[in-house]
Protein backbone atom coordinates (compact mmCIF):
# COMPACT_ATOMS: atom_id res chain seq x y z
CA MET A 1 0.00 0.00 0.00
CA SER A 2 2.70 2.50 0.97
CA GLY A 3 4.63 1.88 -2.27
CA PRO A 4 2.52 2.60 -5.37
CA TYR A 5 -0.12 4.76 -3.69
CA GLN A 6 0.66 8.37 -2.87
CA PHE A 7 -2.12 10.50 -1.43
CA PRO A 8 -2.26 14.29 -1.82
CA PRO A 9 0.13 16.13 0.54
CA SER A 10 -2.75 17.69 2.50
CA PHE A 11 -4.64 14.39 2.89
CA VAL A 12 -5.67 13.74 6.51
CA PHE A 13 -5.08 10.32 8.10
CA GLY A 14 -6.97 9.81 11.35
CA ALA A 15 -9.06 7.49 13.50
CA SER A 16 -12.51 7.80 15.06
CA THR A 17 -14.31 6.94 18.29
CA SER A 18 -17.57 7.90 20.00
CA ALA A 19 -18.17 8.98 23.58
CA TYR A 20 -20.45 6.23 24.85
CA GLN A 21 -18.36 3.50 23.26
CA ILE A 22 -15.09 4.41 24.98
CA GLU A 23 -15.44 6.94 27.79
CA GLY A 24 -16.88 5.01 30.73
CA ALA A 25 -17.37 7.11 33.88
CA TRP A 26 -21.05 6.90 33.09
CA ASP A 27 -22.25 8.54 36.33
CA GLU A 28 -19.23 10.58 37.44
CA ASP A 29 -18.77 14.34 37.85
CA GLY A 30 -22.46 15.10 37.49
CA LYS A 31 -22.95 13.36 34.15
CA GLY A 32 -26.60 12.58 33.45
CA PRO A 33 -27.80 9.24 32.06
CA SER A 34 -28.07 8.79 28.30
CA ILE A 35 -30.53 6.62 26.43
CA TRP A 36 -27.68 4.12 26.05
CA ASP A 37 -27.21 3.94 29.82
CA VAL A 38 -30.90 3.15 30.15
CA PHE A 39 -30.85 0.70 27.24
CA THR A 40 -27.82 -1.30 28.34
CA HIS A 41 -29.06 -1.51 31.91
CA SER A 42 -32.22 -3.21 30.64
CA ARG A 43 -32.17 -7.01 30.59
CA GLY A 44 -31.72 -8.76 27.24
CA ARG A 45 -30.67 -5.76 25.16
CA ILE A 46 -26.96 -6.49 24.63
CA ARG A 47 -25.72 -9.78 23.20
CA ASP A 48 -22.97 -10.34 25.78
CA ARG A 49 -24.80 -8.51 28.61
CA SER A 50 -22.07 -5.88 28.80
CA THR A 51 -22.54 -2.12 29.10
CA GLY A 52 -20.59 1.04 28.39
CA ASP A 53 -20.41 1.90 32.10
CA VAL A 54 -16.61 1.54 31.98
CA ALA A 55 -15.88 0.56 28.35
CA CYS A 56 -12.28 1.71 27.63
CA ASP A 57 -12.33 3.98 30.68
CA HIS A 58 -11.08 6.72 28.37
CA VAL A 59 -12.07 9.46 30.81
CA HIS A 60 -9.37 8.16 33.18
CA HIS A 61 -6.94 7.03 30.45
CA MET A 62 -7.10 10.13 28.27
CA ASP A 63 -3.40 10.96 28.66
CA GLU A 64 -2.35 7.42 27.72
CA ASP A 65 -4.71 7.33 24.76
CA THR A 66 -3.43 10.68 23.51
CA ARG A 67 0.12 9.34 23.74
CA LEU A 68 -0.92 6.33 21.64
CA ILE A 69 -2.54 8.63 19.07
CA ARG A 70 0.77 10.45 18.81
CA GLU A 71 2.65 7.14 18.58
CA LEU A 72 0.49 6.11 15.63
CA GLY A 73 1.35 9.37 13.91
CA LEU A 74 -2.29 10.32 13.32
CA GLY A 75 -2.87 13.73 11.82
CA ALA A 76 -6.43 13.92 13.16
CA TYR A 77 -8.70 12.33 15.74
CA ARG A 78 -12.47 12.30 15.47
CA PHE A 79 -14.32 11.98 18.78
CA SER A 80 -17.79 12.85 20.00
CA VAL A 81 -18.82 15.04 22.90
CA SER A 82 -21.24 13.32 25.26
CA TRP A 83 -24.33 15.51 25.44
CA PRO A 84 -25.35 14.32 28.96
CA ARG A 85 -21.75 14.75 30.22
CA VAL A 86 -21.89 18.43 29.25
CA VAL A 87 -25.63 19.11 29.77
CA PRO A 88 -26.75 16.35 32.17
CA PHE A 89 -30.48 16.65 31.47
CA GLY A 90 -30.22 17.80 27.86
CA ARG A 91 -31.29 21.34 28.68
CA GLY A 92 -30.65 23.68 31.56
CA ALA A 93 -27.33 24.10 33.31
CA SER A 94 -24.05 22.83 31.84
CA SER A 95 -21.63 20.72 33.85
CA PRO A 96 -18.28 22.50 34.37
CA ALA A 97 -16.57 19.14 34.96
CA GLY A 98 -17.94 17.73 31.71
CA LEU A 99 -16.74 20.66 29.66
CA ALA A 100 -13.38 20.58 31.47
CA PHE A 101 -12.74 17.01 30.30
CA TYR A 102 -13.12 17.98 26.65
CA ASP A 103 -11.03 21.10 27.24
CA ARG A 104 -8.19 18.89 28.46
CA LEU A 105 -8.64 16.42 25.60
CA VAL A 106 -8.50 19.13 22.93
CA ASP A 107 -5.43 20.71 24.52
CA ALA A 108 -3.68 17.34 24.74
CA LEU A 109 -4.41 16.58 21.08
CA LEU A 110 -3.13 19.94 19.91
CA GLU A 111 0.01 19.53 22.00
CA ALA A 112 0.53 16.19 20.25
CA GLY A 113 0.15 17.86 16.86
CA VAL A 114 -3.22 16.19 16.19
CA THR A 115 -6.21 18.04 14.71
CA PRO A 116 -9.48 17.40 16.63
CA TYR A 117 -12.66 16.71 14.65
CA VAL A 118 -15.64 16.99 17.01
CA THR A 119 -18.92 15.12 16.50
CA LEU A 120 -21.75 16.77 18.40
CA PHE A 121 -24.27 13.92 18.42
CA HIS A 122 -23.20 10.30 18.20
CA TRP A 123 -26.40 8.71 19.50
CA ASP A 124 -26.06 9.28 23.29
CA LEU A 125 -29.16 11.43 23.74
CA PRO A 126 -29.77 12.57 27.35
CA ALA A 127 -32.30 10.17 28.85
CA ALA A 128 -34.27 13.08 30.30
CA LEU A 129 -35.13 14.33 26.82
CA GLN A 130 -36.30 10.87 25.79
CA GLU A 131 -38.44 10.53 28.88
CA GLN A 132 -39.88 14.04 28.91
CA LEU A 133 -40.19 14.82 25.19
CA GLY A 134 -40.01 11.47 23.42
CA GLY A 135 -36.54 12.30 22.13
CA PHE A 136 -36.35 12.94 18.40
CA THR A 137 -39.95 11.88 17.86
CA ASN A 138 -40.54 15.46 19.07
CA ARG A 139 -39.24 18.33 16.93
CA ASP A 140 -38.51 20.36 20.09
CA CYS A 141 -35.53 18.06 20.62
CA SER A 142 -33.94 19.62 17.53
CA ARG A 143 -33.80 22.99 19.22
CA HIS A 144 -32.14 21.49 22.30
CA LEU A 145 -29.43 19.90 20.17
CA ALA A 146 -28.76 23.28 18.57
CA ASP A 147 -28.40 24.83 22.04
CA PHE A 148 -25.94 22.07 22.99
CA ALA A 149 -24.00 22.67 19.77
CA GLU A 150 -23.71 26.36 20.58
CA ARG A 151 -22.33 25.58 24.05
CA VAL A 152 -19.72 23.18 22.71
CA ALA A 153 -18.68 25.53 19.92
CA SER A 154 -18.38 28.37 22.40
CA ALA A 155 -16.21 26.28 24.75
CA LEU A 156 -14.01 24.50 22.21
CA GLY A 157 -14.30 26.49 18.99
CA ASP A 158 -11.26 28.66 19.74
CA ARG A 159 -9.18 25.49 19.19
CA VAL A 160 -11.46 23.18 17.18
CA SER A 161 -11.98 24.06 13.53
CA HIS A 162 -14.03 21.05 12.34
CA PHE A 163 -17.46 20.15 13.74
CA ILE A 164 -19.75 17.28 12.65
CA THR A 165 -23.36 17.80 13.67
CA LEU A 166 -24.74 14.24 13.56
CA ASN A 167 -23.42 10.75 13.08
CA GLU A 168 -25.50 8.46 10.83
CA PRO A 169 -29.02 9.83 11.42
CA GLN A 170 -30.57 7.15 9.23
CA ILE A 171 -28.93 4.31 11.21
CA PHE A 172 -29.83 5.89 14.56
CA THR A 173 -33.42 6.09 13.35
CA MET A 174 -33.74 2.73 11.62
CA VAL A 175 -32.04 0.57 14.26
CA GLY A 176 -33.13 2.53 17.32
CA HIS A 177 -36.67 3.59 16.41
CA ALA A 178 -37.88 1.06 13.83
CA ALA A 179 -36.10 -2.20 14.69
CA GLY A 180 -35.65 -1.59 18.42
CA LEU A 181 -32.13 -3.06 18.44
CA HIS A 182 -30.42 0.13 19.59
CA ALA A 183 -31.38 2.82 22.07
CA PRO A 184 -34.00 4.09 22.63
CA GLY A 185 -35.32 0.63 21.71
CA LEU A 186 -38.51 1.62 19.89
CA ARG A 187 -40.15 -0.72 17.38
CA ARG A 188 -42.26 1.80 15.49
CA PRO A 189 -41.26 1.74 11.83
CA TRP A 190 -43.96 4.27 11.02
CA LEU A 191 -41.84 6.87 12.88
CA TYR A 192 -38.90 6.51 10.46
CA MET A 193 -39.52 9.56 8.29
CA LYS A 194 -40.66 11.71 11.22
CA VAL A 195 -37.53 11.04 13.28
CA ILE A 196 -35.28 11.48 10.24
CA HIS A 197 -36.85 14.87 9.61
CA ASN A 198 -36.41 16.02 13.19
CA LEU A 199 -32.78 14.89 13.18
CA LEU A 200 -32.07 16.70 9.91
CA LEU A 201 -33.79 19.77 11.30
CA ALA A 202 -31.52 19.49 14.35
CA HIS A 203 -28.55 19.26 12.00
CA GLY A 204 -29.53 22.48 10.22
CA LEU A 205 -30.17 24.34 13.46
CA ALA A 206 -26.92 23.05 14.98
CA THR A 207 -24.99 24.14 11.88
CA GLN A 208 -26.40 27.63 12.23
CA ALA A 209 -25.66 27.66 15.97
CA VAL A 210 -22.02 26.70 15.46
CA ARG A 211 -21.62 29.32 12.75
CA SER A 212 -23.22 32.03 14.86
CA THR A 213 -20.73 31.28 17.63
CA ARG A 214 -17.66 30.47 15.51
CA PRO A 215 -18.05 31.96 12.02
CA ASP A 216 -14.76 30.47 10.82
CA ALA A 217 -15.59 26.89 11.86
CA LYS A 218 -15.97 24.21 9.20
CA VAL A 219 -19.21 22.28 9.70
CA GLY A 220 -20.37 19.01 8.17
CA ILE A 221 -22.54 15.96 8.78
CA THR A 222 -21.64 12.27 8.71
CA LEU A 223 -23.86 9.79 6.85
CA ASN A 224 -23.54 6.04 6.57
CA LEU A 225 -23.73 5.41 2.82
CA MET A 226 -23.89 1.98 1.20
CA PRO A 227 -24.26 1.12 -2.47
CA ALA A 228 -27.47 -0.84 -2.96
CA HIS A 229 -27.19 -3.71 -5.43
CA PRO A 230 -29.87 -6.15 -6.61
CA ARG A 231 -29.31 -9.66 -5.28
CA LYS A 232 -30.17 -11.00 -8.73
CA ASP A 233 -30.17 -9.17 -12.04
CA ILE A 234 -33.94 -9.31 -12.44
CA PRO A 235 -36.44 -6.41 -12.62
CA ALA A 236 -37.99 -7.07 -9.20
CA ASP A 237 -34.61 -7.04 -7.45
CA ARG A 238 -33.43 -3.99 -9.38
CA GLN A 239 -36.53 -2.13 -8.17
CA ALA A 240 -35.79 -3.35 -4.64
CA ALA A 241 -32.25 -1.96 -4.91
CA GLU A 242 -33.61 1.42 -6.00
CA LEU A 243 -35.90 1.46 -2.96
CA ALA A 244 -33.02 0.43 -0.69
CA ASP A 245 -30.93 3.30 -2.06
CA ALA A 246 -33.75 5.71 -1.23
CA LEU A 247 -34.29 4.20 2.22
CA PHE A 248 -30.62 4.13 3.28
CA ASN A 249 -28.98 6.92 1.27
CA LYS A 250 -31.31 9.36 -0.48
CA VAL A 251 -33.48 9.75 2.63
CA CYS A 252 -30.77 12.10 3.92
CA LEU A 253 -28.93 13.12 0.76
CA ASP A 254 -32.01 14.47 -1.03
CA PRO A 255 -33.27 16.80 1.73
CA LEU A 256 -29.73 17.98 2.50
CA PHE A 257 -28.73 18.77 -1.07
CA ARG A 258 -31.90 18.77 -3.19
CA GLY A 259 -34.38 20.33 -0.79
CA ARG A 260 -36.86 17.45 -0.80
CA TYR A 261 -37.47 13.87 0.33
CA PRO A 262 -37.54 11.02 -2.22
CA ASP A 263 -41.03 10.84 -3.71
CA ARG A 264 -41.12 7.07 -3.39
CA LEU A 265 -40.49 7.22 0.37
CA LEU A 266 -43.17 9.87 0.86
CA HIS A 267 -45.61 7.74 -1.11
CA LEU A 268 -44.84 4.70 1.03
CA ALA A 269 -44.98 6.70 4.27
CA GLY A 270 -48.38 8.17 3.39
CA ARG A 271 -49.91 9.71 6.49
CA PHE A 272 -46.70 8.93 8.37
CA SER A 273 -44.73 11.36 6.21
CA PRO A 274 -42.82 14.03 8.14
CA ASP A 275 -44.57 17.20 9.21
CA VAL A 276 -42.54 19.64 7.12
CA GLN A 277 -43.20 23.15 8.38
CA ALA A 278 -42.44 26.44 6.64
CA GLY A 279 -38.71 27.03 6.50
CA ASP A 280 -37.72 23.48 7.50
CA MET A 281 -36.16 22.48 4.20
CA GLU A 282 -34.20 25.73 4.00
CA THR A 283 -32.85 25.06 7.49
CA ILE A 284 -31.95 21.48 6.62
CA GLY A 285 -30.23 22.68 3.47
CA THR A 286 -28.00 25.18 5.29
CA GLN A 287 -24.72 25.33 3.38
CA LEU A 288 -22.07 22.91 4.65
CA ASP A 289 -18.29 22.86 4.35
CA PHE A 290 -17.83 19.10 3.95
CA LEU A 291 -19.63 15.76 4.01
CA GLY A 292 -18.48 12.87 6.18
CA ILE A 293 -19.09 9.38 4.78
CA ASN A 294 -19.04 6.15 6.78
CA ASN A 295 -18.79 2.99 4.72
CA TYR A 296 -18.20 -0.65 5.59
CA THR A 297 -20.04 -2.75 3.03
CA ARG A 298 -22.91 -2.82 0.52
CA VAL A 299 -26.59 -3.75 0.64
CA LEU A 300 -27.95 -6.64 -1.43
CA ALA A 301 -31.65 -5.97 -1.93
CA TYR A 302 -34.34 -8.28 -3.21
CA HIS A 303 -38.08 -8.35 -3.76
CA ALA A 304 -39.89 -9.69 -0.68
CA TRP A 305 -43.64 -10.01 -1.14
CA TRP A 306 -44.18 -10.72 2.58
CA VAL A 307 -42.80 -7.35 3.81
CA PRO A 308 -45.68 -4.86 4.28
CA PHE A 309 -45.49 -1.65 2.24
CA LEU A 310 -41.83 -1.96 1.21
CA LYS A 311 -42.05 -5.33 -0.58
CA MET A 312 -38.27 -5.24 -0.26
CA TRP A 313 -35.71 -6.74 2.05
CA PHE A 314 -31.94 -6.76 2.21
CA SER A 315 -29.13 -9.04 3.30
CA GLY A 316 -25.58 -8.66 4.51
CA LEU A 317 -26.03 -6.43 7.57
CA ASP A 318 -26.70 -8.94 10.34
CA VAL A 319 -24.43 -9.17 13.37
CA ALA A 320 -22.81 -12.61 13.10
CA GLU A 321 -21.62 -14.81 15.94
CA LYS A 322 -18.20 -14.92 14.26
CA GLU A 323 -16.42 -14.10 11.03
CA TYR A 324 -16.89 -16.52 8.16
CA GLU A 325 -16.42 -17.13 4.45
CA VAL A 326 -18.94 -18.43 1.91
CA ASP A 327 -18.08 -19.26 -1.70
CA GLY A 328 -14.91 -17.22 -1.52
CA VAL A 329 -16.69 -14.15 -0.08
CA GLN A 330 -15.33 -13.02 3.28
CA TYR A 331 -17.53 -11.65 6.06
CA THR A 332 -16.39 -9.82 9.17
CA ALA A 333 -17.31 -10.68 12.75
CA MET A 334 -20.29 -8.34 12.29
CA GLY A 335 -21.55 -10.46 9.42
CA TRP A 336 -20.76 -7.71 6.89
CA GLU A 337 -19.43 -8.61 3.47
CA VAL A 338 -15.88 -7.46 2.76
CA TYR A 339 -16.51 -5.52 -0.45
CA PRO A 340 -13.86 -2.82 -1.03
CA GLU A 341 -15.61 -1.61 -4.19
CA SER A 342 -18.36 -0.22 -1.96
CA ILE A 343 -16.22 2.66 -0.74
CA TYR A 344 -15.20 3.56 -4.28
CA GLN A 345 -18.83 3.57 -5.40
CA VAL A 346 -20.07 5.87 -2.64
CA LEU A 347 -17.14 8.28 -3.10
CA THR A 348 -17.67 8.52 -6.86
CA ARG A 349 -21.46 8.86 -6.68
CA ASP A 350 -22.96 11.78 -8.67
CA PRO A 351 -21.36 14.89 -7.11
CA ALA A 352 -24.74 16.62 -7.25
CA ASP A 353 -25.92 14.14 -4.60
CA TYR A 354 -23.27 15.57 -2.26
CA GLY A 355 -23.69 19.23 -3.05
CA ARG A 356 -20.25 19.01 -4.65
CA LEU A 357 -18.67 19.27 -1.20
CA PRO A 358 -15.26 18.06 -0.06
CA LEU A 359 -15.59 14.51 1.30
CA TYR A 360 -14.05 12.80 4.32
CA VAL A 361 -14.25 9.08 5.02
CA THR A 362 -15.13 9.50 8.68
CA GLU A 363 -15.40 5.76 9.43
CA ASN A 364 -14.10 2.62 7.76
CA GLY A 365 -12.83 -0.54 9.39
CA ALA A 366 -13.60 -4.12 10.30
CA ALA A 367 -14.30 -6.33 13.31
CA PHE A 368 -12.30 -9.54 13.33
CA GLU A 369 -11.64 -12.13 16.04
CA ASP A 370 -8.32 -10.90 17.39
CA LEU A 371 -5.95 -13.10 19.37
CA VAL A 372 -3.40 -11.64 21.78
CA GLU A 373 -0.10 -13.55 21.68
CA ASP A 374 3.00 -12.43 23.62
CA ARG A 375 1.66 -8.87 24.00
CA ALA A 376 1.02 -8.59 20.27
CA VAL A 377 -2.07 -8.82 18.05
CA HIS A 378 -1.33 -10.14 14.56
CA ASP A 379 -4.55 -9.03 12.87
CA ARG A 380 -3.64 -9.81 9.27
CA LYS A 381 -7.24 -9.76 8.07
CA ARG A 382 -7.74 -6.22 9.34
CA VAL A 383 -4.52 -5.09 7.66
CA ALA A 384 -5.73 -6.64 4.38
CA PHE A 385 -9.13 -4.98 4.81
CA LEU A 386 -7.69 -1.51 5.40
CA GLU A 387 -5.20 -1.89 2.57
CA ALA A 388 -7.94 -2.92 0.12
CA TYR A 389 -10.39 -0.16 1.12
CA LEU A 390 -7.73 2.55 1.23
CA GLY A 391 -6.62 1.45 -2.21
CA LYS A 392 -10.16 2.12 -3.41
CA VAL A 393 -10.16 5.54 -1.70
CA HIS A 394 -7.00 6.37 -3.63
CA GLN A 395 -8.63 5.10 -6.82
CA ALA A 396 -11.64 7.37 -6.17
CA ILE A 397 -9.34 10.36 -5.78
CA GLN A 398 -7.65 9.46 -9.06
CA ALA A 399 -11.12 9.35 -10.65
CA GLY A 400 -11.80 12.91 -9.52
CA ALA A 401 -13.49 12.53 -6.10
CA ASP A 402 -12.62 15.38 -3.76
CA VAL A 403 -11.68 13.21 -0.78
CA ARG A 404 -9.75 15.15 1.86
CA GLY A 405 -9.21 12.55 4.57
CA TYR A 406 -9.71 9.02 5.93
CA PHE A 407 -10.50 7.99 9.52
CA VAL A 408 -10.22 4.35 10.62
CA TRP A 409 -12.97 2.98 12.82
CA SER A 410 -11.83 2.61 15.42
CA LEU A 411 -8.88 3.90 17.40
CA LEU A 412 -9.66 1.51 20.27
CA ASP A 413 -11.52 -1.74 20.70
CA ALA A 414 -14.75 -0.46 22.19
CA PHE A 415 -18.28 -1.22 23.31
CA GLU A 416 -19.86 -1.97 19.94
CA TRP A 417 -23.46 -1.06 20.66
CA SER A 418 -25.86 -4.05 20.76
CA ALA A 419 -23.01 -6.42 19.85
CA GLY A 420 -21.30 -5.63 23.15
CA LYS A 421 -17.56 -5.98 23.69
CA ARG A 422 -16.88 -9.04 21.54
CA LYS A 423 -16.62 -7.33 18.15
CA PRO A 424 -13.25 -5.54 18.14
CA PHE A 425 -12.64 -2.89 15.48
CA GLY A 426 -9.67 -1.14 17.03
CA LEU A 427 -6.20 -0.34 15.82
CA ILE A 428 -5.41 -0.69 19.52
CA HIS A 429 -6.44 -3.73 21.56
CA VAL A 430 -8.07 -3.02 24.93
CA ASP A 431 -8.24 -5.62 27.68
CA PHE A 432 -11.49 -4.55 29.33
CA GLN A 433 -10.53 -6.26 32.62
CA THR A 434 -7.12 -4.61 33.06
CA GLN A 435 -7.51 -1.65 30.66
CA ARG A 436 -4.14 -2.60 29.16
CA ARG A 437 -3.64 -1.25 25.63
CA ILE A 438 -1.65 -2.95 22.85
CA ILE A 439 -1.13 -1.47 19.39
CA LYS A 440 -2.12 -4.17 16.90
CA ASP A 441 -0.28 -5.00 13.71
CA SER A 442 -2.96 -3.01 11.87
CA GLY A 443 -2.05 0.03 13.97
CA LEU A 444 1.64 -0.43 13.18
CA TRP A 445 0.79 -0.84 9.49
CA TYR A 446 -1.26 2.35 9.54
CA ARG A 447 1.56 4.19 11.32
CA ASP A 448 4.04 3.06 8.67
CA LEU A 449 1.65 4.08 5.88
CA ILE A 450 1.33 7.57 7.36
CA ARG A 451 5.10 7.87 7.70
CA ALA A 452 5.61 6.76 4.10
CA GLN A 453 3.15 9.38 2.86
CA ALA A 454 5.14 12.10 4.63
CA ARG A 455 8.38 11.32 2.76
């Protein structure tokens, strides 16, 4: 990888995390509970019965983790600010201790020569807003996120230049509000378009709030984008793939950059279409500075007569018990197909879909079954995965895509949502019992790649 591929001199190499997945200290220093605290403390929600109460204990290991970031030679680090750590009940008074933690983190990163990229909402909604308002089923929640964004930008914006409003609104909505597999654990698919709209409204309001506080800040949003392919090359499956593209991708891309929702989704939603009020679409379409793209795999869609309304289903996104291979196709420990072409396809999608913005790959990586041997982790499959996908990122740049950076998911092995702690994605292994960290072979490979690019 480091030989024939040379990225642009200004290209950013980084890694990503999210607050709930690594921070721990779930009830310390006045932090309020999040919907994920409530969800993981409920019986039967998490596959291995673990929680993020401690996770990587990053709050107490921040200095060590910053040193490891420096050791890897990362140019940037994307992390999220925990809303209930800063504003315990989602509205009202801020927590000085919560803000102080992120102050220290930003200062430590800058001292290490690392550029912070701050995500404002990575799914850990304050539980009080869920309980009192219904969370993002209520459009008032959008205004509270904007207020939170303004507080964070005011506190950190003198040193942070890049803010991401939301992480993967369509996944947060689909898995947390329709399927019930993530917090807040709702199984109400008819809320899909309504919650998406309120999240996108929150994004627009938060963008405006950051800009009003820090006019020079660069603001974007991160979407999980997956190419949707027909399972078979037949008309019914091709139509299913078009619907899957609308459901997973265009549901956010179209309102952000075209000022409307896909007609097909509105037709299917019927009376459950979002309540679009005057000025909403203009707010959602507030000009951005960049688009963050998360990509891991593709969707294989097919006609399914038994699925109400959609008549479509998809395969390839189930959480597997372990990694496996079928007919020469490799799947990760999450059950996701290893398909490097997917990242090339989303990066070279019609630029009009992206508002012709600069692009960042804000997440890409793989969970494999790591084995620690003699204080080393020889994760050859992850190295091969990153090499293949980064090769496709380079190919997309050569094809004209304006890709400015790439962030590996994840810096650390972490609490991986409903899959618990048994699906490691990290460049750095974390022993959750001892909190001992070990840089994996994939981390060393990434470090060497970054060094080679600097020559």
